[in-house]
mmCIF file of all heavy atoms, coordinates in Angstrom:
data_MODEL
# 
_entry.id   MODEL 
# 
loop_
_atom_site.group_PDB 
_atom_site.id 
_atom_site.type_symbol 
_atom_site.label_atom_id 
_atom_site.label_alt_id 
_atom_site.label_comp_id 
_atom_site.label_asym_id 
_atom_site.label_entity_id 
_atom_site.label_seq_id 
_atom_site.pdbx_PDB_ins_code 
_atom_site.Cartn_x 
_atom_site.Cartn_y 
_atom_site.Cartn_z 
_atom_site.occupancy 
_atom_site.B_iso_or_equiv 
_atom_site.pdbx_formal_charge 
_atom_site.auth_seq_id 
_atom_site.auth_comp_id 
_atom_site.auth_asym_id 
_atom_site.auth_atom_id 
_atom_site.pdbx_PDB_model_num 
ATOM 1   N N   . HIS A 1 1  ? -32.516 2.418   11.532  1.00 0.00 ? 1  HIS A N   1 
ATOM 2   C CA  . HIS A 1 1  ? -33.865 2.002   11.862  1.00 0.00 ? 1  HIS A CA  1 
ATOM 3   C C   . HIS A 1 1  ? -33.804 1.290   13.264  1.00 0.00 ? 1  HIS A C   1 
ATOM 4   O O   . HIS A 1 1  ? -32.962 0.497   13.456  1.00 0.00 ? 1  HIS A O   1 
ATOM 5   C CB  . HIS A 1 1  ? -34.334 0.964   10.842  1.00 0.00 ? 1  HIS A CB  1 
ATOM 6   C CG  . HIS A 1 1  ? -34.387 1.335   9.454   1.00 0.00 ? 1  HIS A CG  1 
ATOM 7   N ND1 . HIS A 1 1  ? -35.357 2.264   8.878   1.00 0.00 ? 1  HIS A ND1 1 
ATOM 8   C CD2 . HIS A 1 1  ? -33.435 1.010   8.377   1.00 0.00 ? 1  HIS A CD2 1 
ATOM 9   C CE1 . HIS A 1 1  ? -35.095 2.424   7.604   1.00 0.00 ? 1  HIS A CE1 1 
ATOM 10  N NE2 . HIS A 1 1  ? -33.988 1.728   7.231   1.00 0.00 ? 1  HIS A NE2 1 
ATOM 11  N N   . PHE A 1 2  ? -34.602 1.682   14.121  1.00 0.00 ? 2  PHE A N   1 
ATOM 12  C CA  . PHE A 1 2  ? -34.666 0.970   15.427  1.00 0.00 ? 2  PHE A CA  1 
ATOM 13  C C   . PHE A 1 2  ? -35.859 -0.051  15.398  1.00 0.00 ? 2  PHE A C   1 
ATOM 14  O O   . PHE A 1 2  ? -37.053 0.257   15.056  1.00 0.00 ? 2  PHE A O   1 
ATOM 15  C CB  . PHE A 1 2  ? -34.899 2.013   16.499  1.00 0.00 ? 2  PHE A CB  1 
ATOM 16  C CG  . PHE A 1 2  ? -33.680 2.877   16.799  1.00 0.00 ? 2  PHE A CG  1 
ATOM 17  C CD1 . PHE A 1 2  ? -33.549 4.101   16.086  1.00 0.00 ? 2  PHE A CD1 1 
ATOM 18  C CD2 . PHE A 1 2  ? -32.622 2.278   17.614  1.00 0.00 ? 2  PHE A CD2 1 
ATOM 19  C CE1 . PHE A 1 2  ? -32.383 4.884   16.400  1.00 0.00 ? 2  PHE A CE1 1 
ATOM 20  C CE2 . PHE A 1 2  ? -31.468 3.153   17.822  1.00 0.00 ? 2  PHE A CE2 1 
ATOM 21  C CZ  . PHE A 1 2  ? -31.380 4.455   17.193  1.00 0.00 ? 2  PHE A CZ  1 
ATOM 22  N N   . ILE A 1 3  ? -35.597 -1.252  15.803  1.00 0.00 ? 3  ILE A N   1 
ATOM 23  C CA  . ILE A 1 3  ? -36.509 -2.300  15.577  1.00 0.00 ? 3  ILE A CA  1 
ATOM 24  C C   . ILE A 1 3  ? -36.428 -3.184  16.933  1.00 0.00 ? 3  ILE A C   1 
ATOM 25  O O   . ILE A 1 3  ? -35.490 -2.946  17.757  1.00 0.00 ? 3  ILE A O   1 
ATOM 26  C CB  . ILE A 1 3  ? -36.214 -3.335  14.412  1.00 0.00 ? 3  ILE A CB  1 
ATOM 27  C CG1 . ILE A 1 3  ? -34.748 -3.912  14.510  1.00 0.00 ? 3  ILE A CG1 1 
ATOM 28  C CG2 . ILE A 1 3  ? -36.248 -2.451  13.135  1.00 0.00 ? 3  ILE A CG2 1 
ATOM 29  C CD1 . ILE A 1 3  ? -34.460 -4.919  13.453  1.00 0.00 ? 3  ILE A CD1 1 
ATOM 30  N N   . THR A 1 4  ? -37.319 -4.145  17.038  1.00 0.00 ? 4  THR A N   1 
ATOM 31  C CA  . THR A 1 4  ? -37.417 -4.924  18.122  1.00 0.00 ? 4  THR A CA  1 
ATOM 32  C C   . THR A 1 4  ? -36.496 -6.231  18.009  1.00 0.00 ? 4  THR A C   1 
ATOM 33  O O   . THR A 1 4  ? -36.027 -6.496  16.830  1.00 0.00 ? 4  THR A O   1 
ATOM 34  C CB  . THR A 1 4  ? -38.865 -5.469  18.405  1.00 0.00 ? 4  THR A CB  1 
ATOM 35  O OG1 . THR A 1 4  ? -39.260 -6.312  17.317  1.00 0.00 ? 4  THR A OG1 1 
ATOM 36  C CG2 . THR A 1 4  ? -39.783 -4.188  18.555  1.00 0.00 ? 4  THR A CG2 1 
ATOM 37  N N   . GLU A 1 5  ? -36.181 -6.836  19.063  1.00 0.00 ? 5  GLU A N   1 
ATOM 38  C CA  . GLU A 1 5  ? -35.459 -8.181  19.051  1.00 0.00 ? 5  GLU A CA  1 
ATOM 39  C C   . GLU A 1 5  ? -36.090 -9.129  18.178  1.00 0.00 ? 5  GLU A C   1 
ATOM 40  O O   . GLU A 1 5  ? -35.610 -9.890  17.439  1.00 0.00 ? 5  GLU A O   1 
ATOM 41  C CB  . GLU A 1 5  ? -35.196 -8.662  20.561  1.00 0.00 ? 5  GLU A CB  1 
ATOM 42  C CG  . GLU A 1 5  ? -34.199 -7.913  21.250  1.00 0.00 ? 5  GLU A CG  1 
ATOM 43  C CD  . GLU A 1 5  ? -34.001 -8.605  22.576  1.00 0.00 ? 5  GLU A CD  1 
ATOM 44  O OE1 . GLU A 1 5  ? -33.083 -9.490  22.722  1.00 0.00 ? 5  GLU A OE1 1 
ATOM 45  O OE2 . GLU A 1 5  ? -34.792 -8.259  23.595  1.00 0.00 ? 5  GLU A OE2 1 
ATOM 46  N N   . GLU A 1 6  ? -37.524 -9.220  18.233  1.00 0.00 ? 6  GLU A N   1 
ATOM 47  C CA  . GLU A 1 6  ? -38.220 -10.045 17.540  1.00 0.00 ? 6  GLU A CA  1 
ATOM 48  C C   . GLU A 1 6  ? -38.077 -9.837  15.954  1.00 0.00 ? 6  GLU A C   1 
ATOM 49  O O   . GLU A 1 6  ? -37.916 -10.830 15.178  1.00 0.00 ? 6  GLU A O   1 
ATOM 50  C CB  . GLU A 1 6  ? -39.761 -10.068 17.898  1.00 0.00 ? 6  GLU A CB  1 
ATOM 51  C CG  . GLU A 1 6  ? -39.990 -10.690 19.276  1.00 0.00 ? 6  GLU A CG  1 
ATOM 52  C CD  . GLU A 1 6  ? -39.600 -9.578  20.443  1.00 0.00 ? 6  GLU A CD  1 
ATOM 53  O OE1 . GLU A 1 6  ? -39.450 -8.435  20.165  1.00 0.00 ? 6  GLU A OE1 1 
ATOM 54  O OE2 . GLU A 1 6  ? -39.389 -10.122 21.600  1.00 0.00 ? 6  GLU A OE2 1 
ATOM 55  N N   . GLU A 1 7  ? -38.260 -8.583  15.628  1.00 0.00 ? 7  GLU A N   1 
ATOM 56  C CA  . GLU A 1 7  ? -37.990 -8.213  14.253  1.00 0.00 ? 7  GLU A CA  1 
ATOM 57  C C   . GLU A 1 7  ? -36.588 -8.576  13.761  1.00 0.00 ? 7  GLU A C   1 
ATOM 58  O O   . GLU A 1 7  ? -36.363 -8.990  12.586  1.00 0.00 ? 7  GLU A O   1 
ATOM 59  C CB  . GLU A 1 7  ? -38.202 -6.665  14.041  1.00 0.00 ? 7  GLU A CB  1 
ATOM 60  C CG  . GLU A 1 7  ? -39.741 -6.265  14.168  1.00 0.00 ? 7  GLU A CG  1 
ATOM 61  C CD  . GLU A 1 7  ? -39.878 -4.801  14.118  1.00 0.00 ? 7  GLU A CD  1 
ATOM 62  O OE1 . GLU A 1 7  ? -39.150 -4.110  14.855  1.00 0.00 ? 7  GLU A OE1 1 
ATOM 63  O OE2 . GLU A 1 7  ? -40.777 -4.339  13.325  1.00 0.00 ? 7  GLU A OE2 1 
ATOM 64  N N   . MET A 1 8  ? -35.556 -8.358  14.642  1.00 0.00 ? 8  MET A N   1 
ATOM 65  C CA  . MET A 1 8  ? -34.193 -8.634  14.197  1.00 0.00 ? 8  MET A CA  1 
ATOM 66  C C   . MET A 1 8  ? -34.026 -10.173 13.958  1.00 0.00 ? 8  MET A C   1 
ATOM 67  O O   . MET A 1 8  ? -33.399 -10.571 12.920  1.00 0.00 ? 8  MET A O   1 
ATOM 68  C CB  . MET A 1 8  ? -33.175 -8.248  15.410  1.00 0.00 ? 8  MET A CB  1 
ATOM 69  C CG  . MET A 1 8  ? -31.708 -8.490  15.159  1.00 0.00 ? 8  MET A CG  1 
ATOM 70  S SD  . MET A 1 8  ? -31.073 -7.407  13.764  1.00 0.00 ? 8  MET A SD  1 
ATOM 71  C CE  . MET A 1 8  ? -30.952 -5.894  14.615  1.00 0.00 ? 8  MET A CE  1 
ATOM 72  N N   . ALA A 1 9  ? -34.614 -10.973 14.788  1.00 0.00 ? 9  ALA A N   1 
ATOM 73  C CA  . ALA A 1 9  ? -34.508 -12.356 14.630  1.00 0.00 ? 9  ALA A CA  1 
ATOM 74  C C   . ALA A 1 9  ? -35.253 -12.916 13.409  1.00 0.00 ? 9  ALA A C   1 
ATOM 75  O O   . ALA A 1 9  ? -34.733 -13.755 12.707  1.00 0.00 ? 9  ALA A O   1 
ATOM 76  C CB  . ALA A 1 9  ? -34.983 -13.144 15.903  1.00 0.00 ? 9  ALA A CB  1 
ATOM 77  N N   . LYS A 1 10 ? -36.475 -12.289 13.168  1.00 0.00 ? 10 LYS A N   1 
ATOM 78  C CA  . LYS A 1 10 ? -37.165 -12.743 11.992  1.00 0.00 ? 10 LYS A CA  1 
ATOM 79  C C   . LYS A 1 10 ? -36.729 -12.335 10.671  1.00 0.00 ? 10 LYS A C   1 
ATOM 80  O O   . LYS A 1 10 ? -36.673 -13.019 9.640   1.00 0.00 ? 10 LYS A O   1 
ATOM 81  C CB  . LYS A 1 10 ? -38.568 -12.363 12.309  1.00 0.00 ? 10 LYS A CB  1 
ATOM 82  C CG  . LYS A 1 10 ? -39.662 -12.768 11.271  1.00 0.00 ? 10 LYS A CG  1 
ATOM 83  C CD  . LYS A 1 10 ? -41.058 -12.192 11.504  1.00 0.00 ? 10 LYS A CD  1 
ATOM 84  C CE  . LYS A 1 10 ? -41.978 -12.638 10.331  1.00 0.00 ? 10 LYS A CE  1 
ATOM 85  N NZ  . LYS A 1 10 ? -43.398 -12.149 10.621  1.00 0.00 ? 10 LYS A NZ  1 
ATOM 86  N N   . GLU A 1 11 ? -36.277 -10.942 10.597  1.00 0.00 ? 11 GLU A N   1 
ATOM 87  C CA  . GLU A 1 11 ? -35.959 -10.478 9.356   1.00 0.00 ? 11 GLU A CA  1 
ATOM 88  C C   . GLU A 1 11 ? -34.536 -10.176 9.057   1.00 0.00 ? 11 GLU A C   1 
ATOM 89  O O   . GLU A 1 11 ? -34.179 -9.927  7.842   1.00 0.00 ? 11 GLU A O   1 
ATOM 90  C CB  . GLU A 1 11 ? -36.688 -9.054  9.342   1.00 0.00 ? 11 GLU A CB  1 
ATOM 91  C CG  . GLU A 1 11 ? -38.182 -9.226  9.416   1.00 0.00 ? 11 GLU A CG  1 
ATOM 92  C CD  . GLU A 1 11 ? -38.907 -7.723  9.457   1.00 0.00 ? 11 GLU A CD  1 
ATOM 93  O OE1 . GLU A 1 11 ? -38.208 -6.839  9.110   1.00 0.00 ? 11 GLU A OE1 1 
ATOM 94  O OE2 . GLU A 1 11 ? -40.033 -7.654  9.858   1.00 0.00 ? 11 GLU A OE2 1 
ATOM 95  N N   . HIS A 1 12 ? -33.714 -10.401 9.982   1.00 0.00 ? 12 HIS A N   1 
ATOM 96  C CA  . HIS A 1 12 ? -32.223 -10.193 9.849   1.00 0.00 ? 12 HIS A CA  1 
ATOM 97  C C   . HIS A 1 12 ? -31.403 -11.209 10.447  1.00 0.00 ? 12 HIS A C   1 
ATOM 98  O O   . HIS A 1 12 ? -30.205 -10.852 10.932  1.00 0.00 ? 12 HIS A O   1 
ATOM 99  C CB  . HIS A 1 12 ? -31.777 -8.708  10.373  1.00 0.00 ? 12 HIS A CB  1 
ATOM 100 C CG  . HIS A 1 12 ? -32.790 -7.568  9.811   1.00 0.00 ? 12 HIS A CG  1 
ATOM 101 N ND1 . HIS A 1 12 ? -32.550 -7.055  8.599   1.00 0.00 ? 12 HIS A ND1 1 
ATOM 102 C CD2 . HIS A 1 12 ? -33.774 -6.973  10.320  1.00 0.00 ? 12 HIS A CD2 1 
ATOM 103 C CE1 . HIS A 1 12 ? -33.476 -6.117  8.291   1.00 0.00 ? 12 HIS A CE1 1 
ATOM 104 N NE2 . HIS A 1 12 ? -34.253 -6.105  9.354   1.00 0.00 ? 12 HIS A NE2 1 
ATOM 105 N N   . GLY A 1 13 ? -31.828 -12.403 10.459  1.00 0.00 ? 13 GLY A N   1 
ATOM 106 C CA  . GLY A 1 13 ? -31.095 -13.510 11.110  1.00 0.00 ? 13 GLY A CA  1 
ATOM 107 C C   . GLY A 1 13 ? -29.896 -14.101 10.250  1.00 0.00 ? 13 GLY A C   1 
ATOM 108 O O   . GLY A 1 13 ? -29.014 -14.590 10.792  1.00 0.00 ? 13 GLY A O   1 
ATOM 109 N N   . GLY A 1 14 ? -30.057 -13.887 8.931   1.00 0.00 ? 14 GLY A N   1 
ATOM 110 C CA  . GLY A 1 14 ? -29.028 -14.339 8.014   1.00 0.00 ? 14 GLY A CA  1 
ATOM 111 C C   . GLY A 1 14 ? -27.786 -13.421 7.905   1.00 0.00 ? 14 GLY A C   1 
ATOM 112 O O   . GLY A 1 14 ? -27.892 -12.198 8.335   1.00 0.00 ? 14 GLY A O   1 
ATOM 113 N N   . LEU A 1 15 ? -26.784 -13.862 7.229   1.00 0.00 ? 15 LEU A N   1 
ATOM 114 C CA  . LEU A 1 15 ? -25.602 -13.000 7.072   1.00 0.00 ? 15 LEU A CA  1 
ATOM 115 C C   . LEU A 1 15 ? -24.992 -13.113 5.658   1.00 0.00 ? 15 LEU A C   1 
ATOM 116 O O   . LEU A 1 15 ? -23.914 -13.380 5.460   1.00 0.00 ? 15 LEU A O   1 
ATOM 117 C CB  . LEU A 1 15 ? -24.361 -13.355 8.075   1.00 0.00 ? 15 LEU A CB  1 
ATOM 118 C CG  . LEU A 1 15 ? -24.784 -13.097 9.590   1.00 0.00 ? 15 LEU A CG  1 
ATOM 119 C CD1 . LEU A 1 15 ? -23.652 -13.734 10.458  1.00 0.00 ? 15 LEU A CD1 1 
ATOM 120 C CD2 . LEU A 1 15 ? -24.838 -11.545 9.889   1.00 0.00 ? 15 LEU A CD2 1 
ATOM 121 N N   . PRO A 1 16 ? -25.940 -12.683 4.627   1.00 0.00 ? 16 PRO A N   1 
ATOM 122 C CA  . PRO A 1 16 ? -25.473 -12.763 3.279   1.00 0.00 ? 16 PRO A CA  1 
ATOM 123 C C   . PRO A 1 16 ? -24.609 -11.506 2.913   1.00 0.00 ? 16 PRO A C   1 
ATOM 124 O O   . PRO A 1 16 ? -24.571 -10.556 3.777   1.00 0.00 ? 16 PRO A O   1 
ATOM 125 C CB  . PRO A 1 16 ? -26.846 -12.568 2.540   1.00 0.00 ? 16 PRO A CB  1 
ATOM 126 C CG  . PRO A 1 16 ? -27.684 -11.788 3.478   1.00 0.00 ? 16 PRO A CG  1 
ATOM 127 C CD  . PRO A 1 16 ? -27.268 -12.216 4.828   1.00 0.00 ? 16 PRO A CD  1 
ATOM 128 N N   . HIS A 1 17 ? -23.808 -11.622 1.898   1.00 0.00 ? 17 HIS A N   1 
ATOM 129 C CA  . HIS A 1 17 ? -23.045 -10.480 1.481   1.00 0.00 ? 17 HIS A CA  1 
ATOM 130 C C   . HIS A 1 17 ? -22.537 -10.829 0.101   1.00 0.00 ? 17 HIS A C   1 
ATOM 131 O O   . HIS A 1 17 ? -22.910 -11.802 -0.518  1.00 0.00 ? 17 HIS A O   1 
ATOM 132 C CB  . HIS A 1 17 ? -21.795 -10.149 2.448   1.00 0.00 ? 17 HIS A CB  1 
ATOM 133 C CG  . HIS A 1 17 ? -21.669 -8.638  2.575   1.00 0.00 ? 17 HIS A CG  1 
ATOM 134 N ND1 . HIS A 1 17 ? -21.659 -7.792  1.487   1.00 0.00 ? 17 HIS A ND1 1 
ATOM 135 C CD2 . HIS A 1 17 ? -21.272 -7.986  3.681   1.00 0.00 ? 17 HIS A CD2 1 
ATOM 136 C CE1 . HIS A 1 17 ? -21.366 -6.635  1.834   1.00 0.00 ? 17 HIS A CE1 1 
ATOM 137 N NE2 . HIS A 1 17 ? -21.119 -6.572  3.181   1.00 0.00 ? 17 HIS A NE2 1 
ATOM 138 N N   . GLY A 1 18 ? -21.582 -9.964  -0.527  1.00 0.00 ? 18 GLY A N   1 
ATOM 139 C CA  . GLY A 1 18 ? -21.055 -10.104 -1.761  1.00 0.00 ? 18 GLY A CA  1 
ATOM 140 C C   . GLY A 1 18 ? -20.559 -8.807  -2.315  1.00 0.00 ? 18 GLY A C   1 
ATOM 141 O O   . GLY A 1 18 ? -20.350 -7.919  -1.540  1.00 0.00 ? 18 GLY A O   1 
ATOM 142 N N   . GLY A 1 19 ? -20.338 -8.773  -3.644  1.00 0.00 ? 19 GLY A N   1 
ATOM 143 C CA  . GLY A 1 19 ? -19.849 -7.526  -4.234  1.00 0.00 ? 19 GLY A CA  1 
ATOM 144 C C   . GLY A 1 19 ? -18.999 -7.875  -5.341  1.00 0.00 ? 19 GLY A C   1 
ATOM 145 O O   . GLY A 1 19 ? -18.975 -9.065  -5.809  1.00 0.00 ? 19 GLY A O   1 
ATOM 146 N N   . CYS A 1 20 ? -18.329 -6.855  -5.918  1.00 0.00 ? 20 CYS A N   1 
ATOM 147 C CA  . CYS A 1 20 ? -17.520 -7.131  -7.055  1.00 0.00 ? 20 CYS A CA  1 
ATOM 148 C C   . CYS A 1 20 ? -16.330 -6.108  -7.155  1.00 0.00 ? 20 CYS A C   1 
ATOM 149 O O   . CYS A 1 20 ? -16.475 -4.958  -6.637  1.00 0.00 ? 20 CYS A O   1 
ATOM 150 C CB  . CYS A 1 20 ? -18.380 -6.958  -8.379  1.00 0.00 ? 20 CYS A CB  1 
ATOM 151 S SG  . CYS A 1 20 ? -19.238 -5.364  -8.693  1.00 0.00 ? 20 CYS A SG  1 
ATOM 152 N N   . VAL A 1 21 ? -15.332 -6.430  -7.780  1.00 0.00 ? 21 VAL A N   1 
ATOM 153 C CA  . VAL A 1 21 ? -14.094 -5.758  -8.194  1.00 0.00 ? 21 VAL A CA  1 
ATOM 154 C C   . VAL A 1 21 ? -14.240 -5.516  -9.628  1.00 0.00 ? 21 VAL A C   1 
ATOM 155 O O   . VAL A 1 21 ? -14.139 -6.455  -10.418 1.00 0.00 ? 21 VAL A O   1 
ATOM 156 C CB  . VAL A 1 21 ? -12.831 -6.268  -7.613  1.00 0.00 ? 21 VAL A CB  1 
ATOM 157 C CG1 . VAL A 1 21 ? -11.677 -5.394  -8.076  1.00 0.00 ? 21 VAL A CG1 1 
ATOM 158 C CG2 . VAL A 1 21 ? -12.829 -6.314  -6.174  1.00 0.00 ? 21 VAL A CG2 1 
ATOM 159 N N   . ILE A 1 22 ? -14.064 -4.256  -10.080 1.00 0.00 ? 22 ILE A N   1 
ATOM 160 C CA  . ILE A 1 22 ? -14.091 -4.040  -11.598 1.00 0.00 ? 22 ILE A CA  1 
ATOM 161 C C   . ILE A 1 22 ? -12.874 -3.131  -11.845 1.00 0.00 ? 22 ILE A C   1 
ATOM 162 O O   . ILE A 1 22 ? -12.674 -2.141  -11.226 1.00 0.00 ? 22 ILE A O   1 
ATOM 163 C CB  . ILE A 1 22 ? -15.393 -3.276  -12.015 1.00 0.00 ? 22 ILE A CB  1 
ATOM 164 C CG1 . ILE A 1 22 ? -16.666 -4.226  -11.642 1.00 0.00 ? 22 ILE A CG1 1 
ATOM 165 C CG2 . ILE A 1 22 ? -15.290 -3.180  -13.594 1.00 0.00 ? 22 ILE A CG2 1 
ATOM 166 C CD1 . ILE A 1 22 ? -17.905 -3.544  -11.879 1.00 0.00 ? 22 ILE A CD1 1 
ATOM 167 N N   . ARG A 1 23 ? -12.158 -3.540  -12.880 1.00 0.00 ? 23 ARG A N   1 
ATOM 168 C CA  . ARG A 1 23 ? -11.233 -2.565  -13.539 1.00 0.00 ? 23 ARG A CA  1 
ATOM 169 C C   . ARG A 1 23 ? -11.475 -2.453  -14.989 1.00 0.00 ? 23 ARG A C   1 
ATOM 170 O O   . ARG A 1 23 ? -11.613 -3.392  -15.702 1.00 0.00 ? 23 ARG A O   1 
ATOM 171 C CB  . ARG A 1 23 ? -9.736  -3.052  -13.206 1.00 0.00 ? 23 ARG A CB  1 
ATOM 172 C CG  . ARG A 1 23 ? -8.707  -1.954  -13.782 1.00 0.00 ? 23 ARG A CG  1 
ATOM 173 C CD  . ARG A 1 23 ? -7.350  -2.268  -13.228 1.00 0.00 ? 23 ARG A CD  1 
ATOM 174 N NE  . ARG A 1 23 ? -6.254  -1.444  -13.759 1.00 0.00 ? 23 ARG A NE  1 
ATOM 175 C CZ  . ARG A 1 23 ? -5.996  -0.185  -13.312 1.00 0.00 ? 23 ARG A CZ  1 
ATOM 176 N NH1 . ARG A 1 23 ? -6.806  0.258   -12.277 1.00 0.00 ? 23 ARG A NH1 1 
ATOM 177 N NH2 . ARG A 1 23 ? -5.118  0.663   -13.829 1.00 0.00 ? 23 ARG A NH2 1 
ATOM 178 N N   . THR A 1 24 ? -11.461 -1.121  -15.402 1.00 0.00 ? 24 THR A N   1 
ATOM 179 C CA  . THR A 1 24 ? -11.533 -0.963  -16.799 1.00 0.00 ? 24 THR A CA  1 
ATOM 180 C C   . THR A 1 24 ? -10.367 -0.468  -17.395 1.00 0.00 ? 24 THR A C   1 
ATOM 181 O O   . THR A 1 24 ? -9.557  0.311   -16.531 1.00 0.00 ? 24 THR A O   1 
ATOM 182 C CB  . THR A 1 24 ? -12.677 0.144   -17.145 1.00 0.00 ? 24 THR A CB  1 
ATOM 183 O OG1 . THR A 1 24 ? -12.459 1.360   -16.379 1.00 0.00 ? 24 THR A OG1 1 
ATOM 184 C CG2 . THR A 1 24 ? -14.063 -0.441  -16.696 1.00 0.00 ? 24 THR A CG2 1 
ATOM 185 N N   . GLY A 1 25 ? -9.838  -0.737  -18.531 1.00 0.00 ? 25 GLY A N   1 
ATOM 186 C CA  . GLY A 1 25 ? -8.605  -0.400  -18.890 1.00 0.00 ? 25 GLY A CA  1 
ATOM 187 C C   . GLY A 1 25 ? -8.418  -0.367  -20.553 1.00 0.00 ? 25 GLY A C   1 
ATOM 188 O O   . GLY A 1 25 ? -9.297  -0.870  -21.138 1.00 0.00 ? 25 GLY A O   1 
ATOM 189 N N   . LYS A 1 26 ? -7.290  0.326   -20.941 1.00 0.00 ? 26 LYS A N   1 
ATOM 190 C CA  . LYS A 1 26 ? -7.095  0.452   -22.377 1.00 0.00 ? 26 LYS A CA  1 
ATOM 191 C C   . LYS A 1 26 ? -5.832  -0.302  -22.732 1.00 0.00 ? 26 LYS A C   1 
ATOM 192 O O   . LYS A 1 26 ? -4.838  -0.260  -21.959 1.00 0.00 ? 26 LYS A O   1 
ATOM 193 C CB  . LYS A 1 26 ? -6.986  1.878   -22.710 1.00 0.00 ? 26 LYS A CB  1 
ATOM 194 C CG  . LYS A 1 26 ? -8.157  2.694   -22.452 1.00 0.00 ? 26 LYS A CG  1 
ATOM 195 C CD  . LYS A 1 26 ? -9.240  2.521   -23.653 1.00 0.00 ? 26 LYS A CD  1 
ATOM 196 C CE  . LYS A 1 26 ? -10.380 3.557   -23.460 1.00 0.00 ? 26 LYS A CE  1 
ATOM 197 N NZ  . LYS A 1 26 ? -11.448 3.221   -24.490 1.00 0.00 ? 26 LYS A NZ  1 
ATOM 198 N N   . THR A 1 27 ? -5.762  -0.844  -23.923 1.00 0.00 ? 27 THR A N   1 
ATOM 199 C CA  . THR A 1 27 ? -4.454  -1.416  -24.465 1.00 0.00 ? 27 THR A CA  1 
ATOM 200 C C   . THR A 1 27 ? -4.336  -0.956  -25.936 1.00 0.00 ? 27 THR A C   1 
ATOM 201 O O   . THR A 1 27 ? -5.332  -0.410  -26.523 1.00 0.00 ? 27 THR A O   1 
ATOM 202 C CB  . THR A 1 27 ? -4.388  -2.958  -24.459 1.00 0.00 ? 27 THR A CB  1 
ATOM 203 O OG1 . THR A 1 27 ? -5.417  -3.456  -25.300 1.00 0.00 ? 27 THR A OG1 1 
ATOM 204 C CG2 . THR A 1 27 ? -4.554  -3.490  -23.009 1.00 0.00 ? 27 THR A CG2 1 
# 
């Protein structure tokens, strides 16, 4: 998406993130 500098500052100023690591297994 191409946006303006004003839109970037207003809507994308934060830097959140995250995620997960999953392993499924048998014993």
